[in-house]
Amino acid sequence: MATINGARAFGLEHEIGSLETGKKADLVILDLHRLHATPSPNPVSTLVYATTGGEVDTYW
């Protein structure tokens, strides 16, 4: 919902919004061992509600 539908809203679903051959993509590695992101009983919830740009460790 937050990826392909967001891309559709901007008319960019042919370029972004899903992982497919030929589409643009970024890969981000997060460090979830920071104080405000732990403990993490539900990693998806933590990712959505507790992380900030400060958790970005690496990106391509």
PDB file of N, CA and C in Angstrom:
ATOM      1  N   MET A   1       0.826  -1.184   0.000  1.00  0.00           N
ATOM      2  CA  MET A   1       0.000   0.000   0.000  1.00  0.00           C
ATOM      3  C   MET A   1       0.875   1.254   0.000  1.00  0.00           C
ATOM      4  N   ALA A   2       1.962   1.236   0.754  1.00  0.00           N
ATOM      5  CA  ALA A   2       2.803   2.427   0.845  1.00  0.00           C
ATOM      6  C   ALA A   2       3.797   2.509  -0.301  1.00  0.00           C
ATOM      7  N   THR A   3       3.895   1.477  -1.115  1.00  0.00           N
ATOM      8  CA  THR A   3       4.884   1.507  -2.187  1.00  0.00           C
ATOM      9  C   THR A   3       4.208   1.656  -3.546  1.00  0.00           C
ATOM     10  N   ILE A   4       3.551   0.633  -4.024  1.00  0.00           N
ATOM     11  CA  ILE A   4       2.971   0.698  -5.368  1.00  0.00           C
ATOM     12  C   ILE A   4       1.820   1.693  -5.447  1.00  0.00           C
ATOM     13  N   ASN A   5       0.988   1.769  -4.418  1.00  0.00           N
ATOM     14  CA  ASN A   5      -0.121   2.731  -4.466  1.00  0.00           C
ATOM     15  C   ASN A   5       0.378   4.164  -4.356  1.00  0.00           C
ATOM     16  N   GLY A   6       1.457   4.374  -3.596  1.00  0.00           N
ATOM     17  CA  GLY A   6       2.065   5.700  -3.548  1.00  0.00           C
ATOM     18  C   GLY A   6       2.636   6.088  -4.899  1.00  0.00           C
ATOM     19  N   ALA A   7       3.257   5.126  -5.581  1.00  0.00           N
ATOM     20  CA  ALA A   7       3.786   5.382  -6.919  1.00  0.00           C
ATOM     21  C   ALA A   7       2.656   5.671  -7.900  1.00  0.00           C
ATOM     22  N   ARG A   8       1.556   4.941  -7.782  1.00  0.00           N
ATOM     23  CA  ARG A   8       0.396   5.187  -8.658  1.00  0.00           C
ATOM     24  C   ARG A   8      -0.170   6.586  -8.459  1.00  0.00           C
ATOM     25  N   ALA A   9      -0.192   7.036  -7.198  1.00  0.00           N
ATOM     26  CA  ALA A   9      -0.722   8.359  -6.901  1.00  0.00           C
ATOM     27  C   ALA A   9       0.061   9.452  -7.629  1.00  0.00           C
ATOM     28  N   PHE A  10       1.345   9.206  -7.857  1.00  0.00           N
ATOM     29  CA  PHE A  10       2.182  10.173  -8.574  1.00  0.00           C
ATOM     30  C   PHE A  10       2.339   9.835 -10.052  1.00  0.00           C
ATOM     31  N   GLY A  11       1.683   8.765 -10.505  1.00  0.00           N
ATOM     32  CA  GLY A  11       1.785   8.368 -11.902  1.00  0.00           C
ATOM     33  C   GLY A  11       3.138   7.769 -12.259  1.00  0.00           C
ATOM     34  N   LEU A  12       3.827   7.189 -11.276  1.00  0.00           N
ATOM     35  CA  LEU A  12       5.168   6.656 -11.498  1.00  0.00           C
ATOM     36  C   LEU A  12       5.251   5.149 -11.310  1.00  0.00           C
ATOM     37  N   GLU A  13       4.122   4.445 -11.348  1.00  0.00           N
ATOM     38  CA  GLU A  13       4.132   3.005 -11.087  1.00  0.00           C
ATOM     39  C   GLU A  13       4.941   2.214 -12.107  1.00  0.00           C
ATOM     40  N   HIS A  14       5.216   2.775 -13.275  1.00  0.00           N
ATOM     41  CA  HIS A  14       6.045   2.090 -14.272  1.00  0.00           C
ATOM     42  C   HIS A  14       7.538   2.237 -13.967  1.00  0.00           C
ATOM     43  N   GLU A  15       7.911   3.158 -13.056  1.00  0.00           N
ATOM     44  CA  GLU A  15       9.310   3.382 -12.705  1.00  0.00           C
ATOM     45  C   GLU A  15       9.668   2.913 -11.302  1.00  0.00           C
ATOM     46  N   ILE A  16       8.738   3.065 -10.354  1.00  0.00           N
ATOM     47  CA  ILE A  16       9.019   2.767  -8.942  1.00  0.00           C
ATOM     48  C   ILE A  16       7.802   2.098  -8.308  1.00  0.00           C
ATOM     49  N   GLY A  17       7.936   1.663  -7.068  1.00  0.00           N
ATOM     50  CA  GLY A  17       6.793   1.163  -6.312  1.00  0.00           C
ATOM     51  C   GLY A  17       6.775  -0.323  -6.072  1.00  0.00           C
ATOM     52  N   SER A  18       7.591  -1.084  -6.792  1.00  0.00           N
ATOM     53  CA  SER A  18       7.685  -2.533  -6.580  1.00  0.00           C
ATOM     54  C   SER A  18       9.056  -2.999  -7.053  1.00  0.00           C
ATOM     55  N   LEU A  19       9.458  -4.151  -6.551  1.00  0.00           N
ATOM     56  CA  LEU A  19      10.752  -4.703  -6.949  1.00  0.00           C
ATOM     57  C   LEU A  19      10.581  -5.542  -8.203  1.00  0.00           C
ATOM     58  N   GLU A  20      10.920  -4.961  -9.325  1.00  0.00           N
ATOM     59  CA  GLU A  20      10.817  -5.623 -10.619  1.00  0.00           C
ATOM     60  C   GLU A  20      12.013  -5.239 -11.477  1.00  0.00           C
ATOM     61  N   THR A  21      12.353  -6.100 -12.414  1.00  0.00           N
ATOM     62  CA  THR A  21      13.445  -5.822 -13.338  1.00  0.00           C
ATOM     63  C   THR A  21      13.162  -4.528 -14.093  1.00  0.00           C
ATOM     64  N   GLY A  22      14.156  -3.655 -14.119  1.00  0.00           N
ATOM     65  CA  GLY A  22      14.039  -2.405 -14.862  1.00  0.00           C
ATOM     66  C   GLY A  22      13.530  -1.230 -14.057  1.00  0.00           C
ATOM     67  N   LYS A  23      13.022  -1.477 -12.851  1.00  0.00           N
ATOM     68  CA  LYS A  23      12.539  -0.370 -12.029  1.00  0.00           C
ATOM     69  C   LYS A  23      13.650   0.138 -11.126  1.00  0.00           C
ATOM     70  N   LYS A  24      13.551   1.409 -10.752  1.00  0.00           N
ATOM     71  CA  LYS A  24      14.513   2.012  -9.838  1.00  0.00           C
ATOM     72  C   LYS A  24      14.272   1.464  -8.433  1.00  0.00           C
ATOM     73  N   ALA A  25      15.353   1.258  -7.685  1.00  0.00           N
ATOM     74  CA  ALA A  25      15.222   0.751  -6.320  1.00  0.00           C
ATOM     75  C   ALA A  25      16.393   1.208  -5.471  1.00  0.00           C
ATOM     76  N   ASP A  26      16.144   1.323  -4.182  1.00  0.00           N
ATOM     77  CA  ASP A  26      17.180   1.618  -3.205  1.00  0.00           C
ATOM     78  C   ASP A  26      17.205   0.480  -2.204  1.00  0.00           C
ATOM     79  N   LEU A  27      18.375   0.209  -1.689  1.00  0.00           N
ATOM     80  CA  LEU A  27      18.529  -0.790  -0.643  1.00  0.00           C
ATOM     81  C   LEU A  27      19.089  -0.074   0.569  1.00  0.00           C
ATOM     82  N   VAL A  28      18.399  -0.200   1.702  1.00  0.00           N
ATOM     83  CA  VAL A  28      18.799   0.480   2.925  1.00  0.00           C
ATOM     84  C   VAL A  28      18.985  -0.553   4.025  1.00  0.00           C
ATOM     85  N   ILE A  29      20.100  -0.458   4.739  1.00  0.00           N
ATOM     86  CA  ILE A  29      20.349  -1.311   5.898  1.00  0.00           C
ATOM     87  C   ILE A  29      20.238  -0.431   7.136  1.00  0.00           C
ATOM     88  N   LEU A  30      19.371  -0.855   8.067  1.00  0.00           N
ATOM     89  CA  LEU A  30      19.132  -0.091   9.282  1.00  0.00           C
ATOM     90  C   LEU A  30      19.768  -0.769  10.480  1.00  0.00           C
ATOM     91  N   ASP A  31      20.220   0.023  11.436  1.00  0.00           N
ATOM     92  CA  ASP A  31      20.730  -0.481  12.707  1.00  0.00           C
ATOM     93  C   ASP A  31      19.627  -0.289  13.739  1.00  0.00           C
ATOM     94  N   LEU A  32      18.925  -1.373  14.086  1.00  0.00           N
ATOM     95  CA  LEU A  32      17.806  -1.291  15.022  1.00  0.00           C
ATOM     96  C   LEU A  32      18.239  -1.571  16.454  1.00  0.00           C
ATOM     97  N   HIS A  33      19.517  -1.456  16.745  1.00  0.00           N
ATOM     98  CA  HIS A  33      20.008  -1.680  18.101  1.00  0.00           C
ATOM     99  C   HIS A  33      20.201  -0.369  18.860  1.00  0.00           C
ATOM    100  N   ARG A  34      19.620   0.688  18.393  1.00  0.00           N
ATOM    101  CA  ARG A  34      19.688   1.969  19.089  1.00  0.00           C
ATOM    102  C   ARG A  34      18.665   1.986  20.223  1.00  0.00           C
ATOM    103  N   LEU A  35      18.879   2.832  21.197  1.00  0.00           N
ATOM    104  CA  LEU A  35      18.081   2.825  22.410  1.00  0.00           C
ATOM    105  C   LEU A  35      16.579   2.990  22.153  1.00  0.00           C
ATOM    106  N   HIS A  36      16.174   3.945  21.332  1.00  0.00           N
ATOM    107  CA  HIS A  36      14.740   4.172  21.138  1.00  0.00           C
ATOM    108  C   HIS A  36      14.082   3.128  20.229  1.00  0.00           C
ATOM    109  N   ALA A  37      14.856   2.254  19.617  1.00  0.00           N
ATOM    110  CA  ALA A  37      14.296   1.196  18.761  1.00  0.00           C
ATOM    111  C   ALA A  37      14.321  -0.165  19.446  1.00  0.00           C
ATOM    112  N   THR A  38      14.727  -0.214  20.713  1.00  0.00           N
ATOM    113  CA  THR A  38      14.765  -1.479  21.444  1.00  0.00           C
ATOM    114  C   THR A  38      13.958  -1.348  22.725  1.00  0.00           C
ATOM    115  N   PRO A  39      13.358  -2.382  23.265  1.00  0.00           N
ATOM    116  CA  PRO A  39      13.287  -3.710  22.667  1.00  0.00           C
ATOM    117  C   PRO A  39      12.350  -3.688  21.469  1.00  0.00           C
ATOM    118  N   SER A  40      12.481  -4.680  20.632  1.00  0.00           N
ATOM    119  CA  SER A  40      11.699  -4.722  19.403  1.00  0.00           C
ATOM    120  C   SER A  40      10.916  -6.028  19.292  1.00  0.00           C
ATOM    121  N   PRO A  41       9.798  -6.150  20.037  1.00  0.00           N
ATOM    122  CA  PRO A  41       9.020  -7.376  19.953  1.00  0.00           C
ATOM    123  C   PRO A  41       8.351  -7.549  18.585  1.00  0.00           C
ATOM    124  N   ASN A  42       8.092  -6.433  17.898  1.00  0.00           N
ATOM    125  CA  ASN A  42       7.488  -6.473  16.569  1.00  0.00           C
ATOM    126  C   ASN A  42       8.355  -5.610  15.645  1.00  0.00           C
ATOM    127  N   PRO A  43       9.286  -6.217  14.909  1.00  0.00           N
ATOM    128  CA  PRO A  43      10.216  -5.438  14.081  1.00  0.00           C
ATOM    129  C   PRO A  43       9.531  -4.542  13.044  1.00  0.00           C
ATOM    130  N   VAL A  44       8.418  -4.980  12.470  1.00  0.00           N
ATOM    131  CA  VAL A  44       7.727  -4.154  11.475  1.00  0.00           C
ATOM    132  C   VAL A  44       7.170  -2.901  12.134  1.00  0.00           C
ATOM    133  N   SER A  45       6.547  -3.053  13.288  1.00  0.00           N
ATOM    134  CA  SER A  45       6.015  -1.905  14.019  1.00  0.00           C
ATOM    135  C   SER A  45       7.138  -0.956  14.419  1.00  0.00           C
ATOM    136  N   THR A  46       8.241  -1.502  14.873  1.00  0.00           N
ATOM    137  CA  THR A  46       9.392  -0.674  15.238  1.00  0.00           C
ATOM    138  C   THR A  46       9.901   0.095  14.036  1.00  0.00           C
ATOM    139  N   LEU A  47       9.989  -0.563  12.900  1.00  0.00           N
ATOM    140  CA  LEU A  47      10.455   0.086  11.674  1.00  0.00           C
ATOM    141  C   LEU A  47       9.551   1.249  11.286  1.00  0.00           C
ATOM    142  N   VAL A  48       8.247   1.058  11.382  1.00  0.00           N
ATOM    143  CA  VAL A  48       7.288   2.079  10.960  1.00  0.00           C
ATOM    144  C   VAL A  48       7.186   3.228  11.961  1.00  0.00           C
ATOM    145  N   TYR A  49       7.133   2.912  13.255  1.00  0.00           N
ATOM    146  CA  TYR A  49       6.799   3.922  14.253  1.00  0.00           C
ATOM    147  C   TYR A  49       7.982   4.482  15.048  1.00  0.00           C
ATOM    148  N   ALA A  50       9.106   3.785  15.119  1.00  0.00           N
ATOM    149  CA  ALA A  50      10.161   4.229  16.022  1.00  0.00           C
ATOM    150  C   ALA A  50      11.459   4.624  15.338  1.00  0.00           C
ATOM    151  N   THR A  51      11.658   4.267  14.093  1.00  0.00           N
ATOM    152  CA  THR A  51      12.940   4.569  13.458  1.00  0.00           C
ATOM    153  C   THR A  51      12.952   5.958  12.826  1.00  0.00           C
ATOM    154  N   THR A  52      14.146   6.482  12.712  1.00  0.00           N
ATOM    155  CA  THR A  52      14.363   7.779  12.071  1.00  0.00           C
ATOM    156  C   THR A  52      15.510   7.617  11.081  1.00  0.00           C
ATOM    157  N   GLY A  53      15.920   8.667  10.467  1.00  0.00           N
ATOM    158  CA  GLY A  53      17.046   8.611   9.553  1.00  0.00           C
ATOM    159  C   GLY A  53      18.348   8.250  10.248  1.00  0.00           C
ATOM    160  N   GLY A  54      18.385   8.413  11.574  1.00  0.00           N
ATOM    161  CA  GLY A  54      19.579   8.089  12.333  1.00  0.00           C
ATOM    162  C   GLY A  54      19.910   6.607  12.364  1.00  0.00           C
ATOM    163  N   GLU A  55      18.928   5.754  12.062  1.00  0.00           N
ATOM    164  CA  GLU A  55      19.164   4.314  12.049  1.00  0.00           C
ATOM    165  C   GLU A  55      19.760   3.808  10.737  1.00  0.00           C
ATOM    166  N   VAL A  56      19.825   4.657   9.732  1.00  0.00           N
ATOM    167  CA  VAL A  56      20.377   4.228   8.446  1.00  0.00           C
ATOM    168  C   VAL A  56      21.871   3.974   8.614  1.00  0.00           C
ATOM    169  N   ASP A  57      22.272   2.759   8.348  1.00  0.00           N
ATOM    170  CA  ASP A  57      23.675   2.360   8.452  1.00  0.00           C
ATOM    171  C   ASP A  57      24.345   2.426   7.087  1.00  0.00           C
ATOM    172  N   THR A  58      23.684   1.878   6.069  1.00  0.00           N
ATOM    173  CA  THR A  58      24.236   1.798   4.722  1.00  0.00           C
ATOM    174  C   THR A  58      23.099   1.927   3.716  1.00  0.00           C
ATOM    175  N   TYR A  59      23.363   2.509   2.579  1.00  0.00           N
ATOM    176  CA  TYR A  59      22.373   2.522   1.498  1.00  0.00           C
ATOM    177  C   TYR A  59      23.066   2.440   0.150  1.00  0.00           C
ATOM    178  N   TRP A  60      22.359   1.847  -0.797  1.00  0.00           N
ATOM    179  CA  TRP A  60      22.837   1.753  -2.183  1.00  0.00           C
ATOM    180  C   TRP A  60      21.790   2.314  -3.100  1.00  0.00           C
TER     181      TRP A  60
END
